[in-house]
Amino acid sequence: MPNNSFQDLINGDKPVLVDFTATWCGPCKMQAPILKELKDQVQDSVTIIKIDVDKNPQAAQAYQVQGVPTLIVFQKGQILWRKSGVSTAKELKQVLDTKTVAI
């Protein structure tokens, strides 16, 4: 189903890792290759999306994102985990393995 809305994505069975980011944010630039490495590890078992807080202020406000990068893991509409600041691929993989329900 292409063109899924954000709400459709986060309410689905598949875990979604959302990277709240900004183009001017230095640590966000460090997070990007880490997320690519994570995507290579988890393949299609997790959806990873980026949300630019400057282009989508309502999404950032809805989830009280105060700083970037902020990473939030959603599954079935629930926030399972969140952290502000850069996270390693190992940490994120561990979070996804322990917090999410396999589909």
PDB file of N, CA and C in Angstrom:
ATOM      1  N   MET A   1       0.837  -1.195   0.000  1.00  0.00           N
ATOM      2  CA  MET A   1       0.000   0.000   0.000  1.00  0.00           C
ATOM      3  C   MET A   1       0.875   1.249   0.000  1.00  0.00           C
ATOM      4  N   PRO A   2       1.195   1.762  -1.168  1.00  0.00           N
ATOM      5  CA  PRO A   2       1.991   2.984  -1.205  1.00  0.00           C
ATOM      6  C   PRO A   2       1.194   4.165  -0.649  1.00  0.00           C
ATOM      7  N   ASN A   3       1.905   5.225  -0.324  1.00  0.00           N
ATOM      8  CA  ASN A   3       1.301   6.457   0.188  1.00  0.00           C
ATOM      9  C   ASN A   3       0.578   6.263   1.511  1.00  0.00           C
ATOM     10  N   ASN A   4       1.089   5.365   2.346  1.00  0.00           N
ATOM     11  CA  ASN A   4       0.512   5.230   3.675  1.00  0.00           C
ATOM     12  C   ASN A   4       0.700   6.523   4.446  1.00  0.00           C
ATOM     13  N   SER A   5      -0.306   6.892   5.185  1.00  0.00           N
ATOM     14  CA  SER A   5      -0.144   8.058   6.037  1.00  0.00           C
ATOM     15  C   SER A   5       0.684   7.645   7.246  1.00  0.00           C
ATOM     16  N   PHE A   6       1.223   8.624   7.928  1.00  0.00           N
ATOM     17  CA  PHE A   6       2.020   8.375   9.121  1.00  0.00           C
ATOM     18  C   PHE A   6       1.218   7.590  10.147  1.00  0.00           C
ATOM     19  N   GLN A   7      -0.032   7.972  10.345  1.00  0.00           N
ATOM     20  CA  GLN A   7      -0.876   7.275  11.319  1.00  0.00           C
ATOM     21  C   GLN A   7      -1.097   5.820  10.929  1.00  0.00           C
ATOM     22  N   ASP A   8      -1.307   5.574   9.633  1.00  0.00           N
ATOM     23  CA  ASP A   8      -1.481   4.197   9.172  1.00  0.00           C
ATOM     24  C   ASP A   8      -0.236   3.370   9.473  1.00  0.00           C
ATOM     25  N   LEU A   9       0.922   3.965   9.226  1.00  0.00           N
ATOM     26  CA  LEU A   9       2.177   3.265   9.457  1.00  0.00           C
ATOM     27  C   LEU A   9       2.353   2.892  10.925  1.00  0.00           C
ATOM     28  N   ILE A  10       2.219   3.889  11.811  1.00  0.00           N
ATOM     29  CA  ILE A  10       2.524   3.631  13.225  1.00  0.00           C
ATOM     30  C   ILE A  10       1.449   2.776  13.896  1.00  0.00           C
ATOM     31  N   ASN A  11       0.276   2.681  13.301  1.00  0.00           N
ATOM     32  CA  ASN A  11      -0.782   1.845  13.862  1.00  0.00           C
ATOM     33  C   ASN A  11      -0.719   0.407  13.365  1.00  0.00           C
ATOM     34  N   GLY A  12       0.199   0.130  12.450  1.00  0.00           N
ATOM     35  CA  GLY A  12       0.296  -1.204  11.881  1.00  0.00           C
ATOM     36  C   GLY A  12       0.998  -2.189  12.799  1.00  0.00           C
ATOM     37  N   ASP A  13       0.990  -3.454  12.378  1.00  0.00           N
ATOM     38  CA  ASP A  13       1.632  -4.516  13.146  1.00  0.00           C
ATOM     39  C   ASP A  13       3.152  -4.426  13.080  1.00  0.00           C
ATOM     40  N   LYS A  14       3.665  -3.901  11.961  1.00  0.00           N
ATOM     41  CA  LYS A  14       5.111  -3.834  11.779  1.00  0.00           C
ATOM     42  C   LYS A  14       5.688  -2.687  12.611  1.00  0.00           C
ATOM     43  N   PRO A  15       6.784  -2.935  13.350  1.00  0.00           N
ATOM     44  CA  PRO A  15       7.407  -1.849  14.116  1.00  0.00           C
ATOM     45  C   PRO A  15       7.886  -0.732  13.182  1.00  0.00           C
ATOM     46  N   VAL A  16       7.783   0.497  13.649  1.00  0.00           N
ATOM     47  CA  VAL A  16       8.221   1.661  12.887  1.00  0.00           C
ATOM     48  C   VAL A  16       9.181   2.467  13.757  1.00  0.00           C
ATOM     49  N   LEU A  17      10.389   2.683  13.249  1.00  0.00           N
ATOM     50  CA  LEU A  17      11.363   3.538  13.910  1.00  0.00           C
ATOM     51  C   LEU A  17      11.318   4.887  13.218  1.00  0.00           C
ATOM     52  N   VAL A  18      10.934   5.910  13.966  1.00  0.00           N
ATOM     53  CA  VAL A  18      10.821   7.252  13.410  1.00  0.00           C
ATOM     54  C   VAL A  18      11.999   8.081  13.894  1.00  0.00           C
ATOM     55  N   ASP A  19      12.702   8.665  12.948  1.00  0.00           N
ATOM     56  CA  ASP A  19      13.830   9.549  13.236  1.00  0.00           C
ATOM     57  C   ASP A  19      13.349  10.975  13.022  1.00  0.00           C
ATOM     58  N   PHE A  20      13.091  11.683  14.123  1.00  0.00           N
ATOM     59  CA  PHE A  20      12.757  13.104  14.033  1.00  0.00           C
ATOM     60  C   PHE A  20      14.071  13.845  13.873  1.00  0.00           C
ATOM     61  N   THR A  21      14.215  14.573  12.776  1.00  0.00           N
ATOM     62  CA  THR A  21      15.500  15.128  12.382  1.00  0.00           C
ATOM     63  C   THR A  21      15.336  16.542  11.853  1.00  0.00           C
ATOM     64  N   ALA A  22      16.454  17.203  11.564  1.00  0.00           N
ATOM     65  CA  ALA A  22      16.444  18.521  10.935  1.00  0.00           C
ATOM     66  C   ALA A  22      17.701  18.655  10.082  1.00  0.00           C
ATOM     67  N   THR A  23      17.592  19.387   8.990  1.00  0.00           N
ATOM     68  CA  THR A  23      18.720  19.505   8.064  1.00  0.00           C
ATOM     69  C   THR A  23      19.909  20.233   8.697  1.00  0.00           C
ATOM     70  N   TRP A  24      19.654  21.123   9.635  1.00  0.00           N
ATOM     71  CA  TRP A  24      20.714  21.917  10.260  1.00  0.00           C
ATOM     72  C   TRP A  24      21.380  21.214  11.444  1.00  0.00           C
ATOM     73  N   CYS A  25      20.921  20.021  11.783  1.00  0.00           N
ATOM     74  CA  CYS A  25      21.347  19.329  13.001  1.00  0.00           C
ATOM     75  C   CYS A  25      22.567  18.441  12.737  1.00  0.00           C
ATOM     76  N   GLY A  26      23.695  18.767  13.379  1.00  0.00           N
ATOM     77  CA  GLY A  26      24.919  17.978  13.227  1.00  0.00           C
ATOM     78  C   GLY A  26      24.773  16.535  13.658  1.00  0.00           C
ATOM     79  N   PRO A  27      24.283  16.284  14.889  1.00  0.00           N
ATOM     80  CA  PRO A  27      24.109  14.890  15.320  1.00  0.00           C
ATOM     81  C   PRO A  27      23.160  14.101  14.410  1.00  0.00           C
ATOM     82  N   CYS A  28      22.189  14.777  13.806  1.00  0.00           N
ATOM     83  CA  CYS A  28      21.267  14.088  12.886  1.00  0.00           C
ATOM     84  C   CYS A  28      22.031  13.521  11.691  1.00  0.00           C
ATOM     85  N   LYS A  29      23.042  14.277  11.236  1.00  0.00           N
ATOM     86  CA  LYS A  29      23.850  13.804  10.114  1.00  0.00           C
ATOM     87  C   LYS A  29      24.648  12.568  10.521  1.00  0.00           C
ATOM     88  N   MET A  30      25.029  12.472  11.791  1.00  0.00           N
ATOM     89  CA  MET A  30      25.731  11.293  12.287  1.00  0.00           C
ATOM     90  C   MET A  30      24.775  10.100  12.394  1.00  0.00           C
ATOM     91  N   GLN A  31      23.498  10.369  12.685  1.00  0.00           N
ATOM     92  CA  GLN A  31      22.512   9.301  12.872  1.00  0.00           C
ATOM     93  C   GLN A  31      22.154   8.625  11.551  1.00  0.00           C
ATOM     94  N   ALA A  32      22.185   9.365  10.456  1.00  0.00           N
ATOM     95  CA  ALA A  32      21.741   8.843   9.160  1.00  0.00           C
ATOM     96  C   ALA A  32      22.465   7.562   8.739  1.00  0.00           C
ATOM     97  N   PRO A  33      23.817   7.517   8.734  1.00  0.00           N
ATOM     98  CA  PRO A  33      24.471   6.266   8.329  1.00  0.00           C
ATOM     99  C   PRO A  33      24.238   5.125   9.327  1.00  0.00           C
ATOM    100  N   ILE A  34      24.010   5.460  10.586  1.00  0.00           N
ATOM    101  CA  ILE A  34      23.704   4.441  11.597  1.00  0.00           C
ATOM    102  C   ILE A  34      22.372   3.782  11.266  1.00  0.00           C
ATOM    103  N   LEU A  35      21.388   4.603  10.861  1.00  0.00           N
ATOM    104  CA  LEU A  35      20.081   4.049  10.495  1.00  0.00           C
ATOM    105  C   LEU A  35      20.180   3.195   9.231  1.00  0.00           C
ATOM    106  N   LYS A  36      21.067   3.585   8.311  1.00  0.00           N
ATOM    107  CA  LYS A  36      21.260   2.771   7.108  1.00  0.00           C
ATOM    108  C   LYS A  36      21.846   1.418   7.493  1.00  0.00           C
ATOM    109  N   GLU A  37      22.820   1.436   8.400  1.00  0.00           N
ATOM    110  CA  GLU A  37      23.420   0.184   8.884  1.00  0.00           C
ATOM    111  C   GLU A  37      22.356  -0.689   9.558  1.00  0.00           C
ATOM    112  N   LEU A  38      21.504  -0.065  10.367  1.00  0.00           N
ATOM    113  CA  LEU A  38      20.432  -0.796  11.036  1.00  0.00           C
ATOM    114  C   LEU A  38      19.473  -1.394  10.013  1.00  0.00           C
ATOM    115  N   LYS A  39      19.118  -0.621   8.998  1.00  0.00           N
ATOM    116  CA  LYS A  39      18.192  -1.101   7.959  1.00  0.00           C
ATOM    117  C   LYS A  39      18.772  -2.329   7.267  1.00  0.00           C
ATOM    118  N   ASP A  40      20.089  -2.328   7.038  1.00  0.00           N
ATOM    119  CA  ASP A  40      20.744  -3.483   6.422  1.00  0.00           C
ATOM    120  C   ASP A  40      20.609  -4.716   7.312  1.00  0.00           C
ATOM    121  N   GLN A  41      20.579  -4.511   8.634  1.00  0.00           N
ATOM    122  CA  GLN A  41      20.471  -5.632   9.578  1.00  0.00           C
ATOM    123  C   GLN A  41      19.034  -6.140   9.701  1.00  0.00           C
ATOM    124  N   VAL A  42      18.081  -5.226   9.787  1.00  0.00           N
ATOM    125  CA  VAL A  42      16.693  -5.630  10.061  1.00  0.00           C
ATOM    126  C   VAL A  42      15.875  -5.860   8.792  1.00  0.00           C
ATOM    127  N   GLN A  43      16.404  -5.415   7.653  1.00  0.00           N
ATOM    128  CA  GLN A  43      15.726  -5.572   6.370  1.00  0.00           C
ATOM    129  C   GLN A  43      14.307  -5.000   6.430  1.00  0.00           C
ATOM    130  N   ASP A  44      13.321  -5.820   6.050  1.00  0.00           N
ATOM    131  CA  ASP A  44      11.948  -5.330   5.984  1.00  0.00           C
ATOM    132  C   ASP A  44      11.139  -5.623   7.246  1.00  0.00           C
ATOM    133  N   SER A  45      11.797  -6.119   8.308  1.00  0.00           N
ATOM    134  CA  SER A  45      11.046  -6.431   9.524  1.00  0.00           C
ATOM    135  C   SER A  45      10.655  -5.164  10.293  1.00  0.00           C
ATOM    136  N   VAL A  46      11.311  -4.057   9.972  1.00  0.00           N
ATOM    137  CA  VAL A  46      11.037  -2.773  10.629  1.00  0.00           C
ATOM    138  C   VAL A  46      10.978  -1.697   9.554  1.00  0.00           C
ATOM    139  N   THR A  47      10.044  -0.787   9.672  1.00  0.00           N
ATOM    140  CA  THR A  47       9.994   0.377   8.790  1.00  0.00           C
ATOM    141  C   THR A  47      10.754   1.506   9.474  1.00  0.00           C
ATOM    142  N   ILE A  48      11.677   2.129   8.758  1.00  0.00           N
ATOM    143  CA  ILE A  48      12.444   3.255   9.293  1.00  0.00           C
ATOM    144  C   ILE A  48      12.115   4.476   8.451  1.00  0.00           C
ATOM    145  N   ILE A  49      11.615   5.525   9.121  1.00  0.00           N
ATOM    146  CA  ILE A  49      11.290   6.752   8.396  1.00  0.00           C
ATOM    147  C   ILE A  49      11.900   7.952   9.100  1.00  0.00           C
ATOM    148  N   LYS A  50      12.157   8.990   8.303  1.00  0.00           N
ATOM    149  CA  LYS A  50      12.668  10.243   8.836  1.00  0.00           C
ATOM    150  C   LYS A  50      11.566  11.293   8.735  1.00  0.00           C
ATOM    151  N   ILE A  51      11.466  12.101   9.775  1.00  0.00           N
ATOM    152  CA  ILE A  51      10.528  13.223   9.742  1.00  0.00           C
ATOM    153  C   ILE A  51      11.312  14.490  10.052  1.00  0.00           C
ATOM    154  N   ASP A  52      11.306  15.413   9.116  1.00  0.00           N
ATOM    155  CA  ASP A  52      11.974  16.700   9.304  1.00  0.00           C
ATOM    156  C   ASP A  52      11.062  17.582  10.163  1.00  0.00           C
ATOM    157  N   VAL A  53      11.557  17.931  11.356  1.00  0.00           N
ATOM    158  CA  VAL A  53      10.715  18.683  12.297  1.00  0.00           C
ATOM    159  C   VAL A  53      10.393  20.086  11.797  1.00  0.00           C
ATOM    160  N   ASP A  54      11.234  20.628  10.921  1.00  0.00           N
ATOM    161  CA  ASP A  54      10.956  21.958  10.382  1.00  0.00           C
ATOM    162  C   ASP A  54       9.853  21.910   9.328  1.00  0.00           C
ATOM    163  N   LYS A  55       9.775  20.810   8.585  1.00  0.00           N
ATOM    164  CA  LYS A  55       8.745  20.658   7.554  1.00  0.00           C
ATOM    165  C   LYS A  55       7.464  20.065   8.122  1.00  0.00           C
ATOM    166  N   ASN A  56       7.562  19.400   9.275  1.00  0.00           N
ATOM    167  CA  ASN A  56       6.407  18.747   9.889  1.00  0.00           C
ATOM    168  C   ASN A  56       6.304  19.104  11.374  1.00  0.00           C
ATOM    169  N   PRO A  57       6.147  20.383  11.678  1.00  0.00           N
ATOM    170  CA  PRO A  57       6.131  20.793  13.088  1.00  0.00           C
ATOM    171  C   PRO A  57       4.981  20.172  13.876  1.00  0.00           C
ATOM    172  N   GLN A  58       3.859  19.877  13.197  1.00  0.00           N
ATOM    173  CA  GLN A  58       2.723  19.282  13.904  1.00  0.00           C
ATOM    174  C   GLN A  58       3.054  17.887  14.400  1.00  0.00           C
ATOM    175  N   ALA A  59       3.828  17.120  13.640  1.00  0.00           N
ATOM    176  CA  ALA A  59       4.225  15.778  14.073  1.00  0.00           C
ATOM    177  C   ALA A  59       5.177  15.880  15.263  1.00  0.00           C
ATOM    178  N   ALA A  60       6.127  16.791  15.188  1.00  0.00           N
ATOM    179  CA  ALA A  60       7.068  16.984  16.298  1.00  0.00           C
ATOM    180  C   ALA A  60       6.327  17.420  17.555  1.00  0.00           C
ATOM    181  N   GLN A  61       5.370  18.306  17.393  1.00  0.00           N
ATOM    182  CA  GLN A  61       4.591  18.800  18.529  1.00  0.00           C
ATOM    183  C   GLN A  61       3.722  17.685  19.116  1.00  0.00           C
ATOM    184  N   ALA A  62       3.137  16.877  18.262  1.00  0.00           N
ATOM    185  CA  ALA A  62       2.250  15.813  18.724  1.00  0.00           C
ATOM    186  C   ALA A  62       2.977  14.820  19.628  1.00  0.00           C
ATOM    187  N   TYR A  63       4.270  14.626  19.382  1.00  0.00           N
ATOM    188  CA  TYR A  63       5.047  13.661  20.170  1.00  0.00           C
ATOM    189  C   TYR A  63       6.059  14.345  21.088  1.00  0.00           C
ATOM    190  N   GLN A  64       5.823  15.634  21.361  1.00  0.00           N
ATOM    191  CA  GLN A  64       6.654  16.409  22.283  1.00  0.00           C
ATOM    192  C   GLN A  64       8.146  16.267  21.986  1.00  0.00           C
ATOM    193  N   VAL A  65       8.499  16.354  20.716  1.00  0.00           N
ATOM    194  CA  VAL A  65       9.906  16.285  20.342  1.00  0.00           C
ATOM    195  C   VAL A  65      10.519  17.646  20.615  1.00  0.00           C
ATOM    196  N   GLN A  66      11.420  17.696  21.604  1.00  0.00           N
ATOM    197  CA  GLN A  66      12.053  18.949  22.009  1.00  0.00           C
ATOM    198  C   GLN A  66      13.396  19.153  21.311  1.00  0.00           C
ATOM    199  N   GLY A  67      14.102  18.062  21.075  1.00  0.00           N
ATOM    200  CA  GLY A  67      15.422  18.148  20.449  1.00  0.00           C
ATOM    201  C   GLY A  67      15.554  17.099  19.371  1.00  0.00           C
ATOM    202  N   VAL A  68      16.503  17.323  18.484  1.00  0.00           N
ATOM    203  CA  VAL A  68      16.752  16.362  17.409  1.00  0.00           C
ATOM    204  C   VAL A  68      18.212  15.924  17.474  1.00  0.00           C
ATOM    205  N   PRO A  69      18.535  14.718  17.087  1.00  0.00           N
ATOM    206  CA  PRO A  69      17.578  13.698  16.675  1.00  0.00           C
ATOM    207  C   PRO A  69      16.828  13.100  17.873  1.00  0.00           C
ATOM    208  N   THR A  70      15.564  12.807  17.661  1.00  0.00           N
ATOM    209  CA  THR A  70      14.786  12.015  18.607  1.00  0.00           C
ATOM    210  C   THR A  70      14.282  10.800  17.845  1.00  0.00           C
ATOM    211  N   LEU A  71      14.529   9.631  18.410  1.00  0.00           N
ATOM    212  CA  LEU A  71      14.090   8.380  17.799  1.00  0.00           C
ATOM    213  C   LEU A  71      12.954   7.813  18.626  1.00  0.00           C
ATOM    214  N   ILE A  72      11.882   7.403  17.946  1.00  0.00           N
ATOM    215  CA  ILE A  72      10.739   6.800  18.621  1.00  0.00           C
ATOM    216  C   ILE A  72      10.373   5.519  17.876  1.00  0.00           C
ATOM    217  N   VAL A  73      10.165   4.440  18.635  1.00  0.00           N
ATOM    218  CA  VAL A  73       9.711   3.180  18.048  1.00  0.00           C
ATOM    219  C   VAL A  73       8.221   3.035  18.355  1.00  0.00           C
ATOM    220  N   PHE A  74       7.440   2.868  17.302  1.00  0.00           N
ATOM    221  CA  PHE A  74       5.999   2.654  17.405  1.00  0.00           C
ATOM    222  C   PHE A  74       5.667   1.240  16.959  1.00  0.00           C
ATOM    223  N   GLN A  75       4.638   0.670  17.545  1.00  0.00           N
ATOM    224  CA  GLN A  75       4.038  -0.558  17.022  1.00  0.00           C
ATOM    225  C   GLN A  75       2.596  -0.586  17.499  1.00  0.00           C
ATOM    226  N   LYS A  76       1.687  -0.854  16.571  1.00  0.00           N
ATOM    227  CA  LYS A  76       0.248  -0.885  16.865  1.00  0.00           C
ATOM    228  C   LYS A  76      -0.203   0.391  17.567  1.00  0.00           C
ATOM    229  N   GLY A  77       0.371   1.521  17.144  1.00  0.00           N
ATOM    230  CA  GLY A  77      -0.042   2.817  17.669  1.00  0.00           C
ATOM    231  C   GLY A  77       0.551   3.183  19.014  1.00  0.00           C
ATOM    232  N   GLN A  78       1.337   2.297  19.595  1.00  0.00           N
ATOM    233  CA  GLN A  78       1.924   2.549  20.908  1.00  0.00           C
ATOM    234  C   GLN A  78       3.381   2.977  20.768  1.00  0.00           C
ATOM    235  N   ILE A  79       3.806   3.887  21.630  1.00  0.00           N
ATOM    236  CA  ILE A  79       5.223   4.226  21.705  1.00  0.00           C
ATOM    237  C   ILE A  79       5.888   3.185  22.604  1.00  0.00           C
ATOM    238  N   LEU A  80       6.811   2.429  22.033  1.00  0.00           N
ATOM    239  CA  LEU A  80       7.487   1.378  22.779  1.00  0.00           C
ATOM    240  C   LEU A  80       8.792   1.865  23.390  1.00  0.00           C
ATOM    241  N   TRP A  81       9.395   2.895  22.757  1.00  0.00           N
ATOM    242  CA  TRP A  81      10.709   3.368  23.189  1.00  0.00           C
ATOM    243  C   TRP A  81      10.965   4.717  22.544  1.00  0.00           C
ATOM    244  N   ARG A  82      11.681   5.575  23.261  1.00  0.00           N
ATOM    245  CA  ARG A  82      12.100   6.836  22.656  1.00  0.00           C
ATOM    246  C   ARG A  82      13.386   7.311  23.288  1.00  0.00           C
ATOM    247  N   LYS A  83      14.168   8.022  22.510  1.00  0.00           N
ATOM    248  CA  LYS A  83      15.426   8.564  23.008  1.00  0.00           C
ATOM    249  C   LYS A  83      15.806   9.760  22.160  1.00  0.00           C
ATOM    250  N   SER A  84      16.305  10.790  22.819  1.00  0.00           N
ATOM    251  CA  SER A  84      16.864  11.927  22.105  1.00  0.00           C
ATOM    252  C   SER A  84      18.379  11.767  22.067  1.00  0.00           C
ATOM    253  N   GLY A  85      18.969  12.194  20.976  1.00  0.00           N
ATOM    254  CA  GLY A  85      20.407  12.061  20.803  1.00  0.00           C
ATOM    255  C   GLY A  85      20.739  10.897  19.885  1.00  0.00           C
ATOM    256  N   VAL A  86      22.011  10.801  19.532  1.00  0.00           N
ATOM    257  CA  VAL A  86      22.462   9.767  18.604  1.00  0.00           C
ATOM    258  C   VAL A  86      22.467   8.408  19.299  1.00  0.00           C
ATOM    259  N   SER A  87      21.955   7.406  18.617  1.00  0.00           N
ATOM    260  CA  SER A  87      21.953   6.027  19.114  1.00  0.00           C
ATOM    261  C   SER A  87      22.752   5.157  18.160  1.00  0.00           C
ATOM    262  N   THR A  88      23.438   4.169  18.687  1.00  0.00           N
ATOM    263  CA  THR A  88      24.212   3.254  17.840  1.00  0.00           C
ATOM    264  C   THR A  88      23.285   2.219  17.208  1.00  0.00           C
ATOM    265  N   ALA A  89      23.746   1.624  16.124  1.00  0.00           N
ATOM    266  CA  ALA A  89      22.966   0.572  15.464  1.00  0.00           C
ATOM    267  C   ALA A  89      22.768  -0.605  16.414  1.00  0.00           C
ATOM    268  N   LYS A  90      23.796  -0.912  17.207  1.00  0.00           N
ATOM    269  CA  LYS A  90      23.701  -2.023  18.153  1.00  0.00           C
ATOM    270  C   LYS A  90      22.603  -1.752  19.182  1.00  0.00           C
ATOM    271  N   GLU A  91      22.583  -0.531  19.716  1.00  0.00           N
ATOM    272  CA  GLU A  91      21.553  -0.160  20.704  1.00  0.00           C
ATOM    273  C   GLU A  91      20.160  -0.247  20.088  1.00  0.00           C
ATOM    274  N   LEU A  92      20.012   0.288  18.889  1.00  0.00           N
ATOM    275  CA  LEU A  92      18.704   0.287  18.232  1.00  0.00           C
ATOM    276  C   LEU A  92      18.247  -1.130  17.905  1.00  0.00           C
ATOM    277  N   LYS A  93      19.165  -1.978  17.457  1.00  0.00           N
ATOM    278  CA  LYS A  93      18.820  -3.366  17.157  1.00  0.00           C
ATOM    279  C   LYS A  93      18.355  -4.070  18.430  1.00  0.00           C
ATOM    280  N   GLN A  94      19.034  -3.808  19.527  1.00  0.00           N
ATOM    281  CA  GLN A  94      18.661  -4.420  20.805  1.00  0.00           C
ATOM    282  C   GLN A  94      17.270  -3.954  21.228  1.00  0.00           C
ATOM    283  N   VAL A  95      16.991  -2.669  21.069  1.00  0.00           N
ATOM    284  CA  VAL A  95      15.668  -2.132  21.398  1.00  0.00           C
ATOM    285  C   VAL A  95      14.601  -2.820  20.550  1.00  0.00           C
ATOM    286  N   LEU A  96      14.865  -2.932  19.259  1.00  0.00           N
ATOM    287  CA  LEU A  96      13.875  -3.543  18.364  1.00  0.00           C
ATOM    288  C   LEU A  96      13.683  -5.021  18.689  1.00  0.00           C
ATOM    289  N   ASP A  97      14.756  -5.688  19.085  1.00  0.00           N
ATOM    290  CA  ASP A  97      14.644  -7.112  19.425  1.00  0.00           C
ATOM    291  C   ASP A  97      13.888  -7.336  20.720  1.00  0.00           C
ATOM    292  N   THR A  98      14.016  -6.420  21.682  1.00  0.00           N
ATOM    293  CA  THR A  98      13.424  -6.648  23.000  1.00  0.00           C
ATOM    294  C   THR A  98      12.072  -5.959  23.193  1.00  0.00           C
ATOM    295  N   LYS A  99      11.832  -4.865  22.500  1.00  0.00           N
ATOM    296  CA  LYS A  99      10.608  -4.079  22.747  1.00  0.00           C
ATOM    297  C   LYS A  99       9.478  -4.405  21.779  1.00  0.00           C
ATOM    298  N   THR A 100       9.798  -4.893  20.606  1.00  0.00           N
ATOM    299  CA  THR A 100       8.765  -5.079  19.592  1.00  0.00           C
ATOM    300  C   THR A 100       8.296  -6.534  19.544  1.00  0.00           C
ATOM    301  N   VAL A 101       7.130  -6.720  18.985  1.00  0.00           N
ATOM    302  CA  VAL A 101       6.546  -8.047  18.818  1.00  0.00           C
ATOM    303  C   VAL A 101       6.821  -8.493  17.386  1.00  0.00           C
ATOM    304  N   ALA A 102       7.409  -9.643  17.235  1.00  0.00           N
ATOM    305  CA  ALA A 102       7.691 -10.158  15.888  1.00  0.00           C
ATOM    306  C   ALA A 102       6.381 -10.392  15.151  1.00  0.00           C
ATOM    307  N   ILE A 103       6.397 -10.085  13.862  1.00  0.00           N
ATOM    308  CA  ILE A 103       5.173 -10.264  13.065  1.00  0.00           C
ATOM    309  C   ILE A 103       5.326 -11.470  12.150  1.00  0.00           C
TER     310      ILE A 103
END
